[in-house]
Amino acid sequence: MSKRATINRRACLKGLGVSLALPLFDSQGWADTSGTKPPVRLGFMFMPHGVIMDQFWPASAESYLAAPPPALESLRPVLDQCLMMKGVSGVPIAPFNGAPHALELSTWLTATLPAADKRNEINIAISADQIAANHVGAFTALPSLELATMPQTWKENQEGLNEGYYSHCSFRSPTQALPAEVNPRNVLYRLFDKKEQTGGASTLSAIDRSLLDIVLGGARDLRRSLPVTDQKKLDEYLDSVRSVERRIAAIEYRQKEAALEKAGVRPSRRHESDSPPIEIKIPEGEKRSEYMQVMCDLNVLAFQTDTTRVSTYIGSTPNGASYPELGFNDQHHSNTHHNNEPEKVRKVAAITEFNIRQFAYMVKKMHGLKEGGGTLLDNCIMMWGSGLEDGNKHTRANLPFVIAGKGGGAVKTGRFLPGVSGNQGDLLTTLLACAGIPIDRPVGIATKQIEEIKA
């Protein structure tokens, strides 16, 4: 009979009972520091089907800034604000080898495969953006913002997997995919016209908060001794507890800010020198670039006004996207299976450059907006990337990523790191840590943090 760690049930239930009774203040640091240092925002922008590698990867670390590859040309003015790395591998997809497109988006922020015994329903993992939203979302009107260019309605069943895996990257819980908004007017309404509900809040003592820290520390220790199935149960339980507790903490913080404003004290979240909120103009035409840029503007405005601190933007989903603006109507997916035919390779490269150009549009706008002692981009971590390296062969050994923004000083930019060793979960875990999100478990397949990213 194999040895298993045993748990004193009475002690365990007593500890978990404390965590239910007290609000969690891991996120209080955001409020405490907002008067002197702006909060860090996290944004993720996705493109499917990989890239043409020799047109995406810099030739060397030395040439990165001076002679970037064609795909990055639009980022040249802000490459010193960006970080690239080669060597981040994706999630191995066995036993779903016949489902590369169902998994390229759904694993992108979860770094986890769907449950093999529940293929026809959503059952994967909470995504990195929602891990962040659980910690910082309580202090903003919207915990997170989910945007997309295309409706999330693709119908296909690779390996019998649920259709939702094709078009969703954000998962509030392992079984709940978050829908993305595709209408810019609806996004604008959601950001500023929806009234926020308020309610009462409990009064907390310093002893309560210290005790809760001890309980959560014990939960982390307990997790290490549990089998994987029980770890998942404990994680889901604590996530649900934290969500409620942070709502209470947020109400308390907002009441404090409202009291200060009523007394004539300026709320601390903005500075006199900050740039005014940008103007949003809804495009009238059907050009994909104009549509994507207004969605990027909405993302910028949401961050600039501290309406949210976490966002995702699915620039396009696997299958179904075409780019007539580039002079051809072929679908993106069909061209990625190019078998090295020059014309198809040219089209894929053009699509990649187009998508990075929209990301560059957003990043450059952020870099031009003053916030605190620097720029809005200085206080963001913006990740552009794809769930495949090479769409022709569906490889995932070196996933393409561009990280923009210093994350409040936590990320060292202006570099290309050609020899990084890590996986998708390692990258996400590191970015969350750089954004100040307490990490009590790895993200998906993560085994470490990628220290080379950090300043």
Protein backbone atom coordinates (compact mmCIF):
# COMPACT_ATOMS: atom_id res chain seq x y z
CA MET A 1 0.00 0.00 0.00
CA SER A 2 1.51 3.33 -1.03
CA LYS A 3 2.04 6.03 1.56
CA ARG A 4 -0.20 9.06 1.35
CA ALA A 5 -0.12 12.30 3.31
CA THR A 6 -2.97 12.43 5.81
CA ILE A 7 -4.82 15.54 6.91
CA ASN A 8 -6.39 16.28 10.26
CA ARG A 9 -9.95 16.91 9.03
CA ARG A 10 -10.92 19.02 12.04
CA ALA A 11 -7.86 21.27 11.63
CA CYS A 12 -8.41 21.55 7.88
CA LEU A 13 -12.07 22.54 8.21
CA LYS A 14 -11.22 24.99 10.97
CA GLY A 15 -8.64 26.68 8.76
CA LEU A 16 -10.94 26.83 5.73
CA GLY A 17 -13.68 28.23 7.93
CA VAL A 18 -11.48 31.19 8.82
CA SER A 19 -10.87 31.88 5.14
CA LEU A 20 -14.64 32.03 4.55
CA ALA A 21 -15.21 34.44 7.42
CA LEU A 22 -12.57 37.03 6.54
CA PRO A 23 -12.01 39.11 3.41
CA LEU A 24 -8.72 38.63 1.62
CA PHE A 25 -6.46 41.67 1.33
CA ASP A 26 -3.73 40.45 -1.02
CA SER A 27 -4.84 43.21 -3.41
CA GLN A 28 -4.86 46.01 -0.84
CA GLY A 29 -1.35 46.94 -1.95
CA TRP A 30 -2.83 48.40 -5.17
CA ALA A 31 -4.88 50.84 -3.14
CA ASP A 32 -2.08 51.67 -0.72
CA THR A 33 0.36 52.58 -3.49
CA SER A 34 -2.00 54.28 -5.95
CA GLY A 35 -1.16 57.75 -4.63
CA THR A 36 2.50 57.46 -5.58
CA LYS A 37 2.71 54.72 -8.19
CA PRO A 38 0.14 53.88 -10.88
CA PRO A 39 -1.19 50.33 -10.99
CA VAL A 40 0.14 47.76 -13.46
CA ARG A 41 -2.22 46.68 -16.25
CA LEU A 42 -2.09 43.40 -18.15
CA GLY A 43 -3.22 43.08 -21.77
CA PHE A 44 -3.17 40.11 -24.16
CA MET A 45 -3.70 40.28 -27.95
CA PHE A 46 -3.95 37.10 -30.01
CA MET A 47 -3.43 36.06 -33.65
CA PRO A 48 -3.88 32.43 -34.78
CA HIS A 49 -1.86 30.14 -37.06
CA GLY A 50 1.71 31.14 -36.20
CA VAL A 51 4.18 33.19 -38.24
CA ILE A 52 6.74 32.93 -41.03
CA MET A 53 9.67 32.35 -38.71
CA ASP A 54 12.51 33.89 -40.72
CA GLN A 55 10.46 37.09 -41.07
CA PHE A 56 9.50 37.25 -37.40
CA TRP A 57 12.52 36.29 -35.31
CA PRO A 58 15.36 38.84 -35.09
CA ALA A 59 18.61 37.67 -36.66
CA SER A 60 20.44 38.17 -33.36
CA ALA A 61 20.21 39.90 -30.02
CA GLU A 62 22.54 42.60 -31.37
CA SER A 63 20.47 43.36 -34.49
CA TYR A 64 17.11 43.43 -32.70
CA LEU A 65 16.90 47.21 -32.28
CA ALA A 66 18.94 48.34 -35.27
CA ALA A 67 17.62 45.97 -37.94
CA PRO A 68 14.36 44.31 -36.88
CA PRO A 69 12.82 41.65 -39.14
CA PRO A 70 10.00 42.68 -41.54
CA ALA A 71 7.17 41.51 -39.27
CA LEU A 72 8.32 43.92 -36.53
CA GLU A 73 8.91 47.00 -38.67
CA SER A 74 5.80 48.78 -37.33
CA LEU A 75 7.17 48.37 -33.79
CA ARG A 76 10.55 49.95 -34.61
CA PRO A 77 9.77 53.29 -32.85
CA VAL A 78 8.99 51.45 -29.61
CA LEU A 79 11.19 48.36 -29.82
CA ASP A 80 13.17 49.71 -26.89
CA GLN A 81 9.91 49.35 -24.94
CA CYS A 82 9.50 45.72 -26.07
CA LEU A 83 10.95 42.36 -25.07
CA MET A 84 11.16 39.30 -27.31
CA MET A 85 12.31 35.80 -26.45
CA LYS A 86 12.72 32.59 -28.40
CA GLY A 87 12.44 29.22 -26.72
CA VAL A 88 9.02 29.38 -25.06
CA SER A 89 7.24 26.15 -25.97
CA GLY A 90 3.50 25.59 -26.12
CA VAL A 91 1.45 22.96 -24.37
CA PRO A 92 2.07 19.47 -25.82
CA ILE A 93 -1.33 18.57 -27.28
CA ALA A 94 -1.37 14.76 -27.03
CA PRO A 95 -3.85 13.03 -26.82
CA PHE A 96 -5.51 15.72 -28.97
CA ASN A 97 -3.06 15.54 -31.87
CA GLY A 98 -5.87 16.06 -34.38
CA ALA A 99 -7.07 19.29 -32.77
CA PRO A 100 -4.31 21.92 -33.27
CA HIS A 101 -6.75 24.76 -33.98
CA ALA A 102 -9.17 23.95 -31.17
CA LEU A 103 -6.22 24.18 -28.78
CA GLU A 104 -4.11 27.07 -30.07
CA LEU A 105 -6.43 29.69 -28.55
CA SER A 106 -7.91 27.79 -25.60
CA THR A 107 -4.48 26.82 -24.24
CA TRP A 108 -2.91 30.23 -24.91
CA LEU A 109 -3.73 31.77 -21.52
CA THR A 110 -4.48 28.57 -19.62
CA ALA A 111 -1.33 26.60 -20.52
CA THR A 112 -3.52 23.57 -19.90
CA LEU A 113 -5.19 20.89 -22.02
CA PRO A 114 -8.96 20.28 -21.79
CA ALA A 115 -10.12 17.32 -19.74
CA ALA A 116 -9.81 14.29 -22.04
CA ASP A 117 -12.81 12.55 -20.50
CA LYS A 118 -15.10 15.58 -20.94
CA ARG A 119 -14.29 16.65 -24.49
CA ASN A 120 -17.77 17.80 -25.43
CA GLU A 121 -18.00 20.36 -22.61
CA ILE A 122 -15.81 23.21 -21.40
CA ASN A 123 -13.43 21.80 -18.80
CA ILE A 124 -9.93 23.27 -18.92
CA ALA A 125 -8.54 25.77 -16.32
CA ILE A 126 -8.90 29.34 -15.16
CA SER A 127 -6.91 31.55 -17.57
CA ALA A 128 -4.04 33.85 -16.61
CA ASP A 129 -6.05 37.00 -17.29
CA GLN A 130 -8.75 35.84 -14.91
CA ILE A 131 -6.21 34.89 -12.26
CA ALA A 132 -5.11 38.53 -12.47
CA ALA A 133 -8.71 39.79 -12.50
CA ASN A 134 -9.45 37.86 -9.31
CA HIS A 135 -6.70 39.81 -7.58
CA VAL A 136 -7.05 43.34 -9.01
CA GLY A 137 -10.48 43.43 -10.64
CA ALA A 138 -12.28 44.36 -7.46
CA PHE A 139 -10.70 47.83 -7.49
CA THR A 140 -12.09 48.81 -10.89
CA ALA A 141 -15.55 49.11 -12.42
CA LEU A 142 -14.84 46.10 -14.66
CA PRO A 143 -12.76 43.20 -13.35
CA SER A 144 -11.61 42.50 -16.92
CA LEU A 145 -12.40 43.42 -20.52
CA GLU A 146 -12.77 40.79 -23.25
CA LEU A 147 -12.68 41.98 -26.87
CA ALA A 148 -12.73 40.17 -30.22
CA THR A 149 -12.77 41.05 -33.90
CA MET A 150 -14.94 38.12 -34.96
CA PRO A 151 -18.06 36.49 -33.45
CA GLN A 152 -17.23 33.45 -31.33
CA THR A 153 -19.39 31.10 -33.37
CA TRP A 154 -17.04 28.78 -35.30
CA LYS A 155 -18.55 25.30 -35.69
CA GLU A 156 -16.12 22.38 -35.74
CA ASN A 157 -15.36 19.36 -33.59
CA GLN A 158 -11.69 18.40 -33.88
CA GLU A 159 -11.13 15.36 -31.64
CA GLY A 160 -14.68 15.79 -30.36
CA LEU A 161 -13.74 18.98 -28.47
CA ASN A 162 -16.34 21.56 -27.54
CA GLU A 163 -16.78 24.32 -30.12
CA GLY A 164 -16.08 26.96 -27.49
CA TYR A 165 -12.40 26.03 -27.46
CA TYR A 166 -11.94 27.46 -30.98
CA SER A 167 -12.86 31.02 -30.14
CA HIS A 168 -12.33 31.66 -26.41
CA CYS A 169 -9.13 32.44 -24.53
CA SER A 170 -10.58 33.69 -21.23
CA PHE A 171 -11.95 31.24 -18.71
CA ARG A 172 -13.39 32.52 -15.44
CA SER A 173 -13.27 28.99 -14.07
CA PRO A 174 -12.38 25.62 -15.58
CA THR A 175 -15.95 25.24 -16.80
CA GLN A 176 -16.91 28.82 -17.70
CA ALA A 177 -15.64 30.51 -20.88
CA LEU A 178 -15.98 34.30 -20.96
CA PRO A 179 -17.60 35.75 -24.10
CA ALA A 180 -15.85 38.62 -25.88
CA GLU A 181 -17.55 41.75 -27.20
CA VAL A 182 -17.20 42.43 -30.95
CA ASN A 183 -19.23 45.65 -31.22
CA PRO A 184 -17.22 48.81 -30.41
CA ARG A 185 -20.34 50.77 -29.47
CA ASN A 186 -21.30 48.12 -26.96
CA VAL A 187 -17.80 48.25 -25.49
CA LEU A 188 -17.99 52.02 -25.13
CA TYR A 189 -21.38 51.68 -23.42
CA ARG A 190 -20.07 49.01 -21.11
CA LEU A 191 -17.05 51.09 -20.14
CA PHE A 192 -18.86 54.30 -19.24
CA ASP A 193 -22.66 54.13 -19.29
CA LYS A 194 -23.35 51.20 -17.01
CA LYS A 195 -23.95 52.24 -13.41
CA GLU A 196 -21.94 50.48 -10.80
CA GLN A 197 -23.76 48.85 -7.93
CA THR A 198 -22.63 49.60 -4.41
CA GLY A 199 -23.28 47.98 -1.10
CA GLY A 200 -22.18 47.74 2.47
CA ALA A 201 -18.82 46.50 3.63
CA SER A 202 -17.59 44.93 6.80
CA THR A 203 -14.98 46.53 9.04
CA LEU A 204 -11.75 44.60 9.25
CA SER A 205 -8.96 44.67 11.78
CA ALA A 206 -5.23 44.29 11.22
CA ILE A 207 -5.40 41.08 13.25
CA ASP A 208 -8.04 39.69 10.86
CA ARG A 209 -5.81 40.39 7.89
CA SER A 210 -2.74 38.88 9.50
CA LEU A 211 -4.69 35.79 10.47
CA LEU A 212 -5.96 35.39 6.94
CA ASP A 213 -2.40 35.60 5.59
CA ILE A 214 -1.47 32.76 7.94
CA VAL A 215 -4.44 30.68 6.79
CA LEU A 216 -3.61 31.18 3.11
CA GLY A 217 0.01 30.33 3.76
CA GLY A 218 -1.18 27.11 5.34
CA ALA A 219 -3.37 26.44 2.30
CA ARG A 220 -0.33 26.74 0.03
CA ASP A 221 1.59 24.30 2.23
CA LEU A 222 -1.39 21.95 2.24
CA ARG A 223 -1.62 22.08 -1.55
CA ARG A 224 1.89 20.67 -1.95
CA SER A 225 0.92 17.54 0.00
CA LEU A 226 -2.28 16.81 -1.94
CA PRO A 227 -2.73 14.66 -5.05
CA VAL A 228 -3.46 16.54 -8.29
CA THR A 229 -7.23 15.97 -8.17
CA ASP A 230 -7.45 17.39 -4.66
CA GLN A 231 -5.18 20.32 -5.57
CA LYS A 232 -7.68 21.29 -8.26
CA LYS A 233 -10.57 21.14 -5.80
CA LEU A 234 -8.70 23.31 -3.30
CA ASP A 235 -7.70 25.81 -6.03
CA GLU A 236 -11.28 26.18 -7.28
CA TYR A 237 -12.56 26.59 -3.74
CA LEU A 238 -10.03 29.30 -2.90
CA ASP A 239 -10.70 31.10 -6.19
CA SER A 240 -14.41 31.36 -5.38
CA VAL A 241 -13.66 32.60 -1.87
CA ARG A 242 -11.21 35.21 -3.12
CA SER A 243 -13.69 36.56 -5.66
CA VAL A 244 -16.22 37.40 -2.96
CA GLU A 245 -13.64 38.65 -0.50
CA ARG A 246 -12.07 41.06 -2.97
CA ARG A 247 -15.46 42.52 -3.80
CA ILE A 248 -15.88 43.39 -0.11
CA ALA A 249 -12.38 44.88 0.03
CA ALA A 250 -13.08 46.95 -3.08
CA ILE A 251 -16.29 48.41 -1.69
CA GLU A 252 -14.41 49.42 1.44
CA TYR A 253 -11.69 51.11 -0.62
CA ARG A 254 -14.21 52.97 -2.81
CA GLN A 255 -16.02 54.23 0.29
CA LYS A 256 -12.72 55.59 1.58
CA GLU A 257 -12.02 57.34 -1.74
CA ALA A 258 -15.54 58.80 -1.83
CA ALA A 259 -15.14 60.16 1.70
CA LEU A 260 -11.86 61.84 0.74
CA GLU A 261 -13.42 63.44 -2.33
CA LYS A 262 -16.38 64.71 -0.31
CA ALA A 263 -13.92 66.30 2.11
CA GLY A 264 -12.25 68.13 -0.77
CA VAL A 265 -9.25 65.82 -1.12
CA ARG A 266 -8.45 64.81 -4.71
CA PRO A 267 -8.76 61.03 -5.25
CA SER A 268 -5.31 59.54 -5.60
CA ARG A 269 -5.69 57.40 -8.71
CA ARG A 270 -4.84 60.17 -11.23
CA HIS A 271 -2.23 62.90 -11.30
CA GLU A 272 -2.54 66.46 -12.65
CA SER A 273 0.22 65.75 -15.21
CA ASP A 274 -1.53 62.66 -16.65
CA SER A 275 -2.71 62.90 -20.26
CA PRO A 276 -6.48 63.45 -20.62
CA PRO A 277 -8.55 60.42 -21.68
CA ILE A 278 -8.28 59.75 -25.40
CA GLU A 279 -11.25 60.36 -27.72
CA ILE A 280 -12.99 57.35 -29.26
CA LYS A 281 -14.33 57.57 -32.82
CA ILE A 282 -16.40 54.64 -34.04
CA PRO A 283 -15.44 53.87 -37.68
CA GLU A 284 -18.17 53.98 -40.32
CA GLY A 285 -16.50 51.79 -42.95
CA GLU A 286 -15.62 48.12 -43.01
CA LYS A 287 -11.82 48.28 -43.12
CA ARG A 288 -10.44 45.68 -40.75
CA SER A 289 -7.57 47.95 -39.68
CA GLU A 290 -9.96 50.76 -38.63
CA TYR A 291 -12.14 48.31 -36.74
CA MET A 292 -9.17 46.77 -34.91
CA GLN A 293 -7.71 50.17 -34.11
CA VAL A 294 -10.90 51.42 -32.48
CA MET A 295 -10.94 48.25 -30.35
CA CYS A 296 -7.32 49.00 -29.42
CA ASP A 297 -8.35 52.58 -28.57
CA LEU A 298 -11.07 51.24 -26.30
CA ASN A 299 -8.49 49.06 -24.58
CA VAL A 300 -6.22 52.07 -24.11
CA LEU A 301 -9.07 54.19 -22.74
CA ALA A 302 -10.13 51.47 -20.32
CA PHE A 303 -6.58 51.29 -18.95
CA GLN A 304 -6.07 55.06 -18.99
CA THR A 305 -9.22 55.70 -16.95
CA ASP A 306 -8.57 52.74 -14.64
CA THR A 307 -11.91 51.23 -15.67
CA THR A 308 -10.15 47.88 -15.81
CA ARG A 309 -6.61 46.60 -15.37
CA VAL A 310 -6.92 43.34 -17.31
CA SER A 311 -7.87 42.86 -20.96
CA THR A 312 -7.82 40.32 -23.77
CA TYR A 313 -8.27 41.01 -27.48
CA ILE A 314 -8.74 38.11 -29.90
CA GLY A 315 -7.61 39.78 -33.14
CA SER A 316 -8.96 36.81 -35.11
CA THR A 317 -9.91 33.25 -34.36
CA PRO A 318 -8.60 30.01 -35.91
CA ASN A 319 -10.30 29.56 -39.30
CA GLY A 320 -12.70 31.95 -40.99
CA ALA A 321 -10.62 35.15 -41.20
CA SER A 322 -9.74 36.89 -44.47
CA TYR A 323 -7.95 40.16 -45.24
CA PRO A 324 -9.31 41.86 -48.39
CA GLU A 325 -7.62 45.06 -47.23
CA LEU A 326 -4.31 43.40 -48.11
CA GLY A 327 -5.38 42.76 -51.70
CA PHE A 328 -6.50 39.14 -51.46
CA ASN A 329 -9.59 37.33 -50.16
CA ASP A 330 -8.10 33.93 -49.33
CA GLN A 331 -8.63 32.79 -45.79
CA HIS A 332 -5.74 33.08 -43.37
CA HIS A 333 -5.90 29.39 -42.47
CA SER A 334 -5.70 28.07 -46.03
CA ASN A 335 -2.58 30.12 -46.73
CA THR A 336 -0.79 28.89 -43.63
CA HIS A 337 -0.63 25.41 -45.21
CA HIS A 338 1.68 26.86 -47.82
CA ASN A 339 4.14 23.98 -48.32
CA ASN A 340 6.70 26.74 -48.97
CA GLU A 341 4.85 28.08 -52.02
CA PRO A 342 6.22 31.66 -52.31
CA GLU A 343 2.88 33.38 -52.93
CA LYS A 344 1.19 31.75 -49.93
CA VAL A 345 4.21 32.48 -47.75
CA ARG A 346 4.02 36.13 -48.85
CA LYS A 347 0.36 36.30 -47.87
CA VAL A 348 0.91 34.77 -44.44
CA ALA A 349 3.78 37.19 -43.82
CA ALA A 350 1.55 40.10 -44.84
CA ILE A 351 -1.22 38.94 -42.46
CA THR A 352 1.28 38.65 -39.60
CA GLU A 353 2.69 42.11 -40.30
CA PHE A 354 -0.86 43.50 -40.45
CA ASN A 355 -1.79 42.08 -37.04
CA ILE A 356 1.43 43.23 -35.39
CA ARG A 357 0.84 46.68 -36.91
CA GLN A 358 -2.45 46.94 -35.01
CA PHE A 359 -0.68 45.92 -31.80
CA ALA A 360 1.99 48.53 -32.57
CA TYR A 361 -0.73 51.14 -33.03
CA MET A 362 -1.98 50.45 -29.51
CA VAL A 363 1.44 50.27 -27.90
CA LYS A 364 2.65 53.50 -29.54
CA LYS A 365 -0.47 55.31 -28.36
CA MET A 366 0.15 54.08 -24.81
CA HIS A 367 3.76 55.25 -25.05
CA GLY A 368 2.56 58.73 -25.97
CA LEU A 369 0.25 59.14 -22.96
CA LYS A 370 1.70 60.57 -19.74
CA GLU A 371 0.94 58.83 -16.48
CA GLY A 372 2.56 59.49 -13.14
CA GLY A 373 6.27 60.05 -13.73
CA GLY A 374 6.32 58.19 -17.04
CA THR A 375 3.91 56.89 -19.66
CA LEU A 376 0.87 54.65 -19.64
CA LEU A 377 2.93 51.97 -21.39
CA ASP A 378 5.49 52.08 -18.58
CA ASN A 379 2.75 50.82 -16.27
CA CYS A 380 1.48 48.06 -18.58
CA ILE A 381 2.48 44.58 -19.68
CA MET A 382 1.03 44.02 -23.15
CA MET A 383 1.53 40.63 -24.80
CA TRP A 384 0.96 39.96 -28.50
CA GLY A 385 1.29 36.36 -29.61
CA SER A 386 0.04 33.24 -31.34
CA GLY A 387 -0.80 29.73 -30.19
CA LEU A 388 1.32 28.11 -32.91
CA GLU A 389 4.84 28.71 -34.12
CA ASP A 390 4.36 27.43 -37.68
CA GLY A 391 0.86 27.09 -39.09
CA ASN A 392 2.12 24.92 -41.94
CA LYS A 393 3.26 22.12 -39.62
CA HIS A 394 1.37 23.09 -36.45
CA THR A 395 4.61 23.25 -34.46
CA ARG A 396 4.69 24.73 -30.95
CA ALA A 397 8.37 24.60 -29.95
CA ASN A 398 9.02 28.38 -30.15
CA LEU A 399 5.77 30.25 -29.74
CA PRO A 400 5.93 33.83 -31.11
CA PHE A 401 5.47 36.52 -28.45
CA VAL A 402 6.13 40.25 -28.16
CA ILE A 403 5.97 41.79 -24.69
CA ALA A 404 5.57 45.57 -24.57
CA GLY A 405 5.76 47.77 -21.47
CA LYS A 406 7.86 47.76 -18.33
CA GLY A 407 5.16 46.64 -15.90
CA GLY A 408 5.93 49.47 -13.50
CA GLY A 409 9.64 48.67 -13.66
CA ALA A 410 9.44 44.88 -13.28
CA VAL A 411 10.21 44.00 -16.93
CA LYS A 412 13.49 44.81 -18.67
CA THR A 413 12.66 45.79 -22.25
CA GLY A 414 14.72 46.65 -25.34
CA ARG A 415 16.04 43.10 -25.68
CA PHE A 416 15.74 39.93 -27.74
CA LEU A 417 16.56 36.78 -25.77
CA PRO A 418 17.28 34.03 -28.32
CA GLY A 419 18.04 31.18 -25.92
CA VAL A 420 15.24 31.15 -23.34
CA SER A 421 14.28 27.82 -21.82
CA GLY A 422 10.69 27.63 -20.67
CA ASN A 423 7.11 26.88 -21.57
CA GLN A 424 3.91 28.82 -22.02
CA GLY A 425 2.92 28.36 -18.38
CA ASP A 426 6.33 29.61 -17.22
CA LEU A 427 5.86 32.77 -19.30
CA LEU A 428 2.36 33.46 -17.98
CA THR A 429 3.40 32.79 -14.39
CA THR A 430 6.31 35.22 -14.78
CA LEU A 431 4.16 37.97 -16.30
CA LEU A 432 1.63 37.67 -13.47
CA ALA A 433 4.45 37.94 -10.95
CA CYS A 434 5.84 41.01 -12.74
CA ALA A 435 2.37 42.58 -12.56
CA GLY A 436 2.33 42.09 -8.79
CA ILE A 437 -0.17 39.24 -8.78
CA PRO A 438 0.46 36.89 -5.83
CA ILE A 439 1.26 33.45 -7.23
CA ASP A 440 0.15 30.53 -5.06
CA ARG A 441 0.25 27.89 -7.82
CA PRO A 442 1.82 27.46 -11.27
CA VAL A 443 -0.18 28.49 -14.33
CA GLY A 444 -0.93 25.30 -16.24
CA ILE A 445 2.23 23.37 -17.11
CA ALA A 446 4.56 25.94 -15.52
CA THR A 447 7.46 24.68 -13.43
CA LYS A 448 9.30 27.96 -12.82
CA GLN A 449 9.49 31.67 -13.56
CA ILE A 450 11.62 32.94 -16.46
CA GLU A 451 13.99 35.19 -14.51
CA GLU A 452 15.58 36.67 -17.66
CA ILE A 453 12.39 38.66 -18.25
CA LYS A 454 12.73 40.64 -15.04
CA ALA A 455 14.48 43.95 -14.58
